[in-house]
Amino acid sequence: TISRDDATNTAYLQMHGLKHEDTATYYCAAD
């Protein structure tokens, strides 16, 4: 689940049910 808190200028990625194949470097991007 992705969400944003505009008051704090922060984005979140809540991850559940993680699998081994989710292993990676995670990057945040904006535009």
Full PDB file with SEQRES, HELIX, SHEET, SSBOND, CRYST1, ORIGX, SCALE, CONECT and MASTER records, all heavy atoms in Angstrom:
SEQRES   1 A   31  THR ILE SER ARG ASP ASP ALA THR ASN THR ALA TYR LEU          
SEQRES   2 A   31  GLN MET HIS GLY LEU LYS HIS GLU ASP THR ALA THR TYR          
SEQRES   3 A   31  TYR CYS ALA ALA ASP                                          
HELIX    1 AA1 HIS A   20  ASP A   22  5                                   3    
SHEET    1 AA1 2 ILE A   2  ASP A   5  0                                        
SHEET    2 AA1 2 THR A  10  LEU A  13 -1                                        
CRYST1    1.000    1.000    1.000  90.00  90.00  90.00 P 1           1          
ORIGX1      1.000000  0.000000  0.000000        0.00000                         
ORIGX2      0.000000  1.000000  0.000000        0.00000                         
ORIGX3      0.000000  0.000000  1.000000        0.00000                         
SCALE1      1.000000  0.000000  0.000000        0.00000                         
SCALE2      0.000000  1.000000  0.000000        0.00000                         
SCALE3      0.000000  0.000000  1.000000        0.00000                         
ATOM      1  N   THR A   1       0.837  -1.186   0.000  1.00  0.00           N  
ATOM      2  CA  THR A   1       0.000   0.000   0.000  1.00  0.00           C  
ATOM      3  C   THR A   1       0.877   1.242   0.000  1.00  0.00           C  
ATOM      4  O   THR A   1       1.769   1.372   0.840  1.00  0.00           O  
ATOM      5  CB  THR A   1      -0.929   0.046   1.223  1.00  0.00           C  
ATOM      6  OG1 THR A   1      -1.756  -1.119   1.243  1.00  0.00           O  
ATOM      7  CG2 THR A   1      -1.815   1.287   1.174  1.00  0.00           C  
ATOM      8  N   ILE A   2       0.613   2.145  -0.932  1.00  0.00           N  
ATOM      9  CA  ILE A   2       1.336   3.403  -0.987  1.00  0.00           C  
ATOM     10  C   ILE A   2       0.434   4.510  -0.459  1.00  0.00           C  
ATOM     11  O   ILE A   2      -0.775   4.520  -0.711  1.00  0.00           O  
ATOM     12  CB  ILE A   2       1.816   3.709  -2.420  1.00  0.00           C  
ATOM     13  CG1 ILE A   2       2.730   4.934  -2.433  1.00  0.00           C  
ATOM     14  CG2 ILE A   2       0.652   3.904  -3.379  1.00  0.00           C  
ATOM     15  CD1 ILE A   2       3.416   5.161  -3.770  1.00  0.00           C  
ATOM     16  N   SER A   3       1.020   5.436   0.296  1.00  0.00           N  
ATOM     17  CA  SER A   3       0.267   6.553   0.844  1.00  0.00           C  
ATOM     18  C   SER A   3       1.161   7.777   0.921  1.00  0.00           C  
ATOM     19  O   SER A   3       2.388   7.675   0.812  1.00  0.00           O  
ATOM     20  CB  SER A   3      -0.299   6.214   2.227  1.00  0.00           C  
ATOM     21  OG  SER A   3       0.741   5.923   3.145  1.00  0.00           O  
ATOM     22  N   ARG A   4       0.537   8.944   1.114  1.00  0.00           N  
ATOM     23  CA  ARG A   4       1.277  10.196   1.225  1.00  0.00           C  
ATOM     24  C   ARG A   4       0.746  11.024   2.371  1.00  0.00           C  
ATOM     25  O   ARG A   4      -0.457  11.068   2.625  1.00  0.00           O  
ATOM     26  CB  ARG A   4       1.172  11.008  -0.072  1.00  0.00           C  
ATOM     27  CG  ARG A   4       1.871  10.412  -1.258  1.00  0.00           C  
ATOM     28  CD  ARG A   4       1.710  11.271  -2.492  1.00  0.00           C  
ATOM     29  NE  ARG A   4       2.310  12.591  -2.345  1.00  0.00           N  
ATOM     30  CZ  ARG A   4       2.448  13.470  -3.340  1.00  0.00           C  
ATOM     31  NH1 ARG A   4       2.013  13.161  -4.556  1.00  0.00           N  
ATOM     32  NH2 ARG A   4       2.998  14.655  -3.109  1.00  0.00           N  
ATOM     33  N   ASP A   5       1.655  11.690   3.056  1.00  0.00           N  
ATOM     34  CA  ASP A   5       1.317  12.660   4.080  1.00  0.00           C  
ATOM     35  C   ASP A   5       1.826  14.009   3.587  1.00  0.00           C  
ATOM     36  O   ASP A   5       3.007  14.324   3.728  1.00  0.00           O  
ATOM     37  CB  ASP A   5       1.951  12.288   5.416  1.00  0.00           C  
ATOM     38  CG  ASP A   5       1.508  13.199   6.539  1.00  0.00           C  
ATOM     39  OD1 ASP A   5       0.950  14.279   6.268  1.00  0.00           O  
ATOM     40  OD2 ASP A   5       1.718  12.835   7.714  1.00  0.00           O  
ATOM     41  N   ASP A   6       0.943  14.797   2.992  1.00  0.00           N  
ATOM     42  CA  ASP A   6       1.348  16.071   2.403  1.00  0.00           C  
ATOM     43  C   ASP A   6       1.852  17.054   3.454  1.00  0.00           C  
ATOM     44  O   ASP A   6       2.686  17.914   3.151  1.00  0.00           O  
ATOM     45  CB  ASP A   6       0.182  16.693   1.633  1.00  0.00           C  
ATOM     46  CG  ASP A   6      -0.206  15.900   0.401  1.00  0.00           C  
ATOM     47  OD1 ASP A   6       0.638  15.122  -0.099  1.00  0.00           O  
ATOM     48  OD2 ASP A   6      -1.347  16.056  -0.075  1.00  0.00           O  
ATOM     49  N   ALA A   7       1.361  16.954   4.693  1.00  0.00           N  
ATOM     50  CA  ALA A   7       1.775  17.870   5.745  1.00  0.00           C  
ATOM     51  C   ALA A   7       3.251  17.713   6.090  1.00  0.00           C  
ATOM     52  O   ALA A   7       3.907  18.683   6.476  1.00  0.00           O  
ATOM     53  CB  ALA A   7       0.916  17.676   6.984  1.00  0.00           C  
ATOM     54  N   THR A   8       3.784  16.501   5.975  1.00  0.00           N  
ATOM     55  CA  THR A   8       5.179  16.235   6.300  1.00  0.00           C  
ATOM     56  C   THR A   8       6.025  15.939   5.071  1.00  0.00           C  
ATOM     57  O   THR A   8       7.204  15.589   5.208  1.00  0.00           O  
ATOM     58  CB  THR A   8       5.292  15.066   7.277  1.00  0.00           C  
ATOM     59  OG1 THR A   8       4.718  13.893   6.697  1.00  0.00           O  
ATOM     60  CG2 THR A   8       4.572  15.385   8.580  1.00  0.00           C  
ATOM     61  N   ASN A   9       5.446  16.061   3.892  1.00  0.00           N  
ATOM     62  CA  ASN A   9       6.161  15.816   2.638  1.00  0.00           C  
ATOM     63  C   ASN A   9       6.790  14.426   2.613  1.00  0.00           C  
ATOM     64  O   ASN A   9       7.958  14.259   2.248  1.00  0.00           O  
ATOM     65  CB  ASN A   9       7.224  16.893   2.411  1.00  0.00           C  
ATOM     66  CG  ASN A   9       6.668  18.287   2.460  1.00  0.00           C  
ATOM     67  OD1 ASN A   9       5.680  18.586   1.792  1.00  0.00           O  
ATOM     68  ND2 ASN A   9       7.299  19.154   3.251  1.00  0.00           N  
ATOM     69  N   THR A  10       6.003  13.447   2.995  1.00  0.00           N  
ATOM     70  CA  THR A  10       6.496  12.086   3.120  1.00  0.00           C  
ATOM     71  C   THR A  10       5.580  11.105   2.402  1.00  0.00           C  
ATOM     72  O   THR A  10       4.359  11.203   2.496  1.00  0.00           O  
ATOM     73  CB  THR A  10       6.602  11.682   4.598  1.00  0.00           C  
ATOM     74  OG1 THR A  10       7.425  12.626   5.295  1.00  0.00           O  
ATOM     75  CG2 THR A  10       7.218  10.299   4.730  1.00  0.00           C  
ATOM     76  N   ALA A  11       6.183  10.171   1.689  1.00  0.00           N  
ATOM     77  CA  ALA A  11       5.460   9.065   1.077  1.00  0.00           C  
ATOM     78  C   ALA A  11       5.839   7.773   1.785  1.00  0.00           C  
ATOM     79  O   ALA A  11       6.957   7.637   2.286  1.00  0.00           O  
ATOM     80  CB  ALA A  11       5.772   8.968  -0.412  1.00  0.00           C  
ATOM     81  N   TYR A  12       4.913   6.829   1.819  1.00  0.00           N  
ATOM     82  CA  TYR A  12       5.133   5.565   2.508  1.00  0.00           C  
ATOM     83  C   TYR A  12       4.826   4.396   1.591  1.00  0.00           C  
ATOM     84  O   TYR A  12       3.987   4.484   0.692  1.00  0.00           O  
ATOM     85  CB  TYR A  12       4.253   5.458   3.755  1.00  0.00           C  
ATOM     86  CG  TYR A  12       4.465   6.556   4.764  1.00  0.00           C  
ATOM     87  CD1 TYR A  12       3.661   7.690   4.758  1.00  0.00           C  
ATOM     88  CD2 TYR A  12       5.471   6.460   5.716  1.00  0.00           C  
ATOM     89  CE1 TYR A  12       3.851   8.704   5.679  1.00  0.00           C  
ATOM     90  CE2 TYR A  12       5.668   7.466   6.641  1.00  0.00           C  
ATOM     91  CZ  TYR A  12       4.854   8.585   6.620  1.00  0.00           C  
ATOM     92  OH  TYR A  12       5.055   9.590   7.535  1.00  0.00           O  
ATOM     93  N   LEU A  13       5.503   3.302   1.843  1.00  0.00           N  
ATOM     94  CA  LEU A  13       5.204   2.038   1.194  1.00  0.00           C  
ATOM     95  C   LEU A  13       5.070   0.993   2.285  1.00  0.00           C  
ATOM     96  O   LEU A  13       6.066   0.572   2.878  1.00  0.00           O  
ATOM     97  CB  LEU A  13       6.295   1.647   0.198  1.00  0.00           C  
ATOM     98  CG  LEU A  13       6.021   0.369  -0.590  1.00  0.00           C  
ATOM     99  CD1 LEU A  13       4.853   0.588  -1.558  1.00  0.00           C  
ATOM    100  CD2 LEU A  13       7.263  -0.081  -1.351  1.00  0.00           C  
ATOM    101  N   GLN A  14       3.831   0.594   2.565  1.00  0.00           N  
ATOM    102  CA  GLN A  14       3.555  -0.433   3.561  1.00  0.00           C  
ATOM    103  C   GLN A  14       3.497  -1.783   2.861  1.00  0.00           C  
ATOM    104  O   GLN A  14       2.671  -1.983   1.962  1.00  0.00           O  
ATOM    105  CB  GLN A  14       2.237  -0.148   4.276  1.00  0.00           C  
ATOM    106  CG  GLN A  14       1.852  -1.189   5.314  1.00  0.00           C  
ATOM    107  CD  GLN A  14       2.814  -1.218   6.478  1.00  0.00           C  
ATOM    108  OE1 GLN A  14       3.027  -0.209   7.146  1.00  0.00           O  
ATOM    109  NE2 GLN A  14       3.406  -2.384   6.729  1.00  0.00           N  
ATOM    110  N   MET A  15       4.353  -2.700   3.274  1.00  0.00           N  
ATOM    111  CA  MET A  15       4.475  -3.997   2.634  1.00  0.00           C  
ATOM    112  C   MET A  15       4.044  -5.094   3.591  1.00  0.00           C  
ATOM    113  O   MET A  15       4.529  -5.164   4.722  1.00  0.00           O  
ATOM    114  CB  MET A  15       5.913  -4.230   2.168  1.00  0.00           C  
ATOM    115  CG  MET A  15       6.435  -3.145   1.235  1.00  0.00           C  
ATOM    116  SD  MET A  15       8.143  -3.425   0.688  1.00  0.00           S  
ATOM    117  CE  MET A  15       9.017  -3.120   2.232  1.00  0.00           C  
ATOM    118  N   HIS A  16       3.135  -5.945   3.130  1.00  0.00           N  
ATOM    119  CA  HIS A  16       2.661  -7.099   3.886  1.00  0.00           C  
ATOM    120  C   HIS A  16       2.877  -8.360   3.063  1.00  0.00           C  
ATOM    121  O   HIS A  16       2.970  -8.317   1.843  1.00  0.00           O  
ATOM    122  CB  HIS A  16       1.178  -6.964   4.233  1.00  0.00           C  
ATOM    123  CG  HIS A  16       0.850  -5.832   5.140  1.00  0.00           C  
ATOM    124  ND1 HIS A  16       1.231  -5.804   6.465  1.00  0.00           N  
ATOM    125  CD2 HIS A  16       0.159  -4.680   4.922  1.00  0.00           C  
ATOM    126  CE1 HIS A  16       0.802  -4.682   7.023  1.00  0.00           C  
ATOM    127  NE2 HIS A  16       0.151  -3.988   6.112  1.00  0.00           N  
ATOM    128  N   GLY A  17       2.897  -9.481   3.754  1.00  0.00           N  
ATOM    129  CA  GLY A  17       3.057 -10.757   3.071  1.00  0.00           C  
ATOM    130  C   GLY A  17       4.304 -10.818   2.212  1.00  0.00           C  
ATOM    131  O   GLY A  17       4.253 -11.297   1.076  1.00  0.00           O  
ATOM    132  N   LEU A  18       5.407 -10.355   2.748  1.00  0.00           N  
ATOM    133  CA  LEU A  18       6.643 -10.276   1.970  1.00  0.00           C  
ATOM    134  C   LEU A  18       7.139 -11.655   1.557  1.00  0.00           C  
ATOM    135  O   LEU A  18       7.058 -12.614   2.323  1.00  0.00           O  
ATOM    136  CB  LEU A  18       7.714  -9.543   2.760  1.00  0.00           C  
ATOM    137  CG  LEU A  18       7.532  -8.021   2.815  1.00  0.00           C  
ATOM    138  CD1 LEU A  18       8.385  -7.410   3.909  1.00  0.00           C  
ATOM    139  CD2 LEU A  18       7.882  -7.410   1.463  1.00  0.00           C  
ATOM    140  N   LYS A  19       7.658 -11.716   0.339  1.00  0.00           N  
ATOM    141  CA  LYS A  19       8.202 -12.936  -0.232  1.00  0.00           C  
ATOM    142  C   LYS A  19       9.678 -12.748  -0.528  1.00  0.00           C  
ATOM    143  O   LYS A  19      10.158 -11.626  -0.652  1.00  0.00           O  
ATOM    144  CB  LYS A  19       7.466 -13.297  -1.524  1.00  0.00           C  
ATOM    145  CG  LYS A  19       5.954 -13.389  -1.386  1.00  0.00           C  
ATOM    146  CD  LYS A  19       5.297 -13.582  -2.738  1.00  0.00           C  
ATOM    147  CE  LYS A  19       3.789 -13.651  -2.622  1.00  0.00           C  
ATOM    148  NZ  LYS A  19       3.139 -13.803  -3.949  1.00  0.00           N  
ATOM    149  N   HIS A  20      10.385 -13.873  -0.679  1.00  0.00           N  
ATOM    150  CA  HIS A  20      11.805 -13.795  -0.975  1.00  0.00           C  
ATOM    151  C   HIS A  20      12.060 -13.003  -2.258  1.00  0.00           C  
ATOM    152  O   HIS A  20      13.043 -12.263  -2.353  1.00  0.00           O  
ATOM    153  CB  HIS A  20      12.399 -15.193  -1.089  1.00  0.00           C  
ATOM    154  CG  HIS A  20      13.863 -15.205  -1.372  1.00  0.00           C  
ATOM    155  ND1 HIS A  20      14.803 -14.735  -0.486  1.00  0.00           N  
ATOM    156  CD2 HIS A  20      14.557 -15.618  -2.468  1.00  0.00           C  
ATOM    157  CE1 HIS A  20      16.003 -14.855  -0.996  1.00  0.00           C  
ATOM    158  NE2 HIS A  20      15.883 -15.397  -2.198  1.00  0.00           N  
ATOM    159  N   GLU A  21      11.172 -13.138  -3.239  1.00  0.00           N  
ATOM    160  CA  GLU A  21      11.343 -12.438  -4.496  1.00  0.00           C  
ATOM    161  C   GLU A  21      11.111 -10.930  -4.399  1.00  0.00           C  
ATOM    162  O   GLU A  21      11.325 -10.210  -5.378  1.00  0.00           O  
ATOM    163  CB  GLU A  21      10.434 -13.030  -5.579  1.00  0.00           C  
ATOM    164  CG  GLU A  21       8.996 -13.189  -5.137  1.00  0.00           C  
ATOM    165  CD  GLU A  21       8.688 -14.585  -4.632  1.00  0.00           C  
ATOM    166  OE1 GLU A  21       9.525 -15.145  -3.878  1.00  0.00           O  
ATOM    167  OE2 GLU A  21       7.628 -15.125  -4.992  1.00  0.00           O  
ATOM    168  N   ASP A  22      10.660 -10.442  -3.239  1.00  0.00           N  
ATOM    169  CA  ASP A  22      10.557  -9.007  -3.019  1.00  0.00           C  
ATOM    170  C   ASP A  22      11.897  -8.381  -2.653  1.00  0.00           C  
ATOM    171  O   ASP A  22      12.000  -7.153  -2.559  1.00  0.00           O  
ATOM    172  CB  ASP A  22       9.554  -8.699  -1.907  1.00  0.00           C  
ATOM    173  CG  ASP A  22       8.130  -9.054  -2.291  1.00  0.00           C  
ATOM    174  OD1 ASP A  22       7.736  -8.794  -3.449  1.00  0.00           O  
ATOM    175  OD2 ASP A  22       7.399  -9.592  -1.428  1.00  0.00           O  
ATOM    176  N   THR A  23      12.904  -9.202  -2.425  1.00  0.00           N  
ATOM    177  CA  THR A  23      14.230  -8.700  -2.081  1.00  0.00           C  
ATOM    178  C   THR A  23      14.769  -7.827  -3.205  1.00  0.00           C  
ATOM    179  O   THR A  23      14.857  -8.257  -4.353  1.00  0.00           O  
ATOM    180  CB  THR A  23      15.186  -9.864  -1.812  1.00  0.00           C  
ATOM    181  OG1 THR A  23      14.741 -10.596  -0.664  1.00  0.00           O  
ATOM    182  CG2 THR A  23      16.597  -9.358  -1.557  1.00  0.00           C  
ATOM    183  N   ALA A  24      15.122  -6.584  -2.868  1.00  0.00           N  
ATOM    184  CA  ALA A  24      15.594  -5.632  -3.863  1.00  0.00           C  
ATOM    185  C   ALA A  24      16.002  -4.338  -3.170  1.00  0.00           C  
ATOM    186  O   ALA A  24      15.742  -4.145  -1.980  1.00  0.00           O  
ATOM    187  CB  ALA A  24      14.510  -5.339  -4.905  1.00  0.00           C  
ATOM    188  N   THR A  25      16.628  -3.464  -3.934  1.00  0.00           N  
ATOM    189  CA  THR A  25      16.820  -2.090  -3.497  1.00  0.00           C  
ATOM    190  C   THR A  25      15.591  -1.297  -3.918  1.00  0.00           C  
ATOM    191  O   THR A  25      15.218  -1.306  -5.094  1.00  0.00           O  
ATOM    192  CB  THR A  25      18.078  -1.478  -4.112  1.00  0.00           C  
ATOM    193  OG1 THR A  25      19.223  -2.241  -3.718  1.00  0.00           O  
ATOM    194  CG2 THR A  25      18.264  -0.042  -3.640  1.00  0.00           C  
ATOM    195  N   TYR A  26      14.974  -0.617  -2.980  1.00  0.00           N  
ATOM    196  CA  TYR A  26      13.758   0.141  -3.243  1.00  0.00           C  
ATOM    197  C   TYR A  26      14.084   1.617  -3.354  1.00  0.00           C  
ATOM    198  O   TYR A  26      14.760   2.183  -2.489  1.00  0.00           O  
ATOM    199  CB  TYR A  26      12.734  -0.098  -2.134  1.00  0.00           C  
ATOM    200  CG  TYR A  26      12.051  -1.436  -2.248  1.00  0.00           C  
ATOM    201  CD1 TYR A  26      12.748  -2.608  -1.983  1.00  0.00           C  
ATOM    202  CD2 TYR A  26      10.719  -1.529  -2.640  1.00  0.00           C  
ATOM    203  CE1 TYR A  26      12.140  -3.847  -2.106  1.00  0.00           C  
ATOM    204  CE2 TYR A  26      10.103  -2.756  -2.765  1.00  0.00           C  
ATOM    205  CZ  TYR A  26      10.815  -3.914  -2.499  1.00  0.00           C  
ATOM    206  OH  TYR A  26      10.194  -5.145  -2.619  1.00  0.00           O  
ATOM    207  N   TYR A  27      13.586   2.248  -4.413  1.00  0.00           N  
ATOM    208  CA  TYR A  27      13.856   3.645  -4.703  1.00  0.00           C  
ATOM    209  C   TYR A  27      12.576   4.466  -4.675  1.00  0.00           C  
ATOM    210  O   TYR A  27      11.534   4.023  -5.159  1.00  0.00           O  
ATOM    211  CB  TYR A  27      14.495   3.803  -6.084  1.00  0.00           C  
ATOM    212  CG  TYR A  27      15.843   3.135  -6.232  1.00  0.00           C  
ATOM    213  CD1 TYR A  27      15.946   1.835  -6.704  1.00  0.00           C  
ATOM    214  CD2 TYR A  27      17.007   3.826  -5.903  1.00  0.00           C  
ATOM    215  CE1 TYR A  27      17.181   1.225  -6.847  1.00  0.00           C  
ATOM    216  CE2 TYR A  27      18.244   3.225  -6.045  1.00  0.00           C  
ATOM    217  CZ  TYR A  27      18.324   1.922  -6.519  1.00  0.00           C  
ATOM    218  OH  TYR A  27      19.552   1.321  -6.663  1.00  0.00           O  
ATOM    219  N   CYS A  28      12.684   5.660  -4.137  1.00  0.00           N  
ATOM    220  CA  CYS A  28      11.610   6.639  -4.196  1.00  0.00           C  
ATOM    221  C   CYS A  28      11.891   7.610  -5.331  1.00  0.00           C  
ATOM    222  O   CYS A  28      13.034   8.031  -5.530  1.00  0.00           O  
ATOM    223  CB  CYS A  28      11.501   7.392  -2.871  1.00  0.00           C  
ATOM    224  SG  CYS A  28      10.204   8.640  -2.831  1.00  0.00           S  
ATOM    225  N   ALA A  29      10.860   7.958  -6.081  1.00  0.00           N  
ATOM    226  CA  ALA A  29      10.987   8.893  -7.189  1.00  0.00           C  
ATOM    227  C   ALA A  29       9.866   9.924  -7.123  1.00  0.00           C  
ATOM    228  O   ALA A  29       8.788   9.650  -6.592  1.00  0.00           O  
ATOM    229  CB  ALA A  29      10.938   8.157  -8.530  1.00  0.00           C  
ATOM    230  N   ALA A  30      10.122  11.108  -7.668  1.00  0.00           N  
ATOM    231  CA  ALA A  30       9.132  12.181  -7.638  1.00  0.00           C  
ATOM    232  C   ALA A  30       9.257  13.049  -8.874  1.00  0.00           C  
ATOM    233  O   ALA A  30      10.302  13.088  -9.525  1.00  0.00           O  
ATOM    234  CB  ALA A  30       9.298  13.035  -6.378  1.00  0.00           C  
ATOM    235  N   ASP A  31       8.167  13.759  -9.181  1.00  0.00           N  
ATOM    236  CA  ASP A  31       8.177  14.669 -10.316  1.00  0.00           C  
ATOM    237  C   ASP A  31       7.073  15.706 -10.158  1.00  0.00           C  
ATOM    238  O   ASP A  31       6.158  15.537  -9.344  1.00  0.00           O  
ATOM    239  CB  ASP A  31       8.000  13.911 -11.633  1.00  0.00           C  
ATOM    240  CG  ASP A  31       8.663  14.620 -12.802  1.00  0.00           C  
ATOM    241  OD1 ASP A  31       8.269  15.771 -13.108  1.00  0.00           O  
ATOM    242  OD2 ASP A  31       9.575  14.025 -13.401  1.00  0.00           O  
TER     243      ASP A  31                                                      
MASTER        0    0    0    1    2    0    0    6  242    1    0    3          
END                                                                             
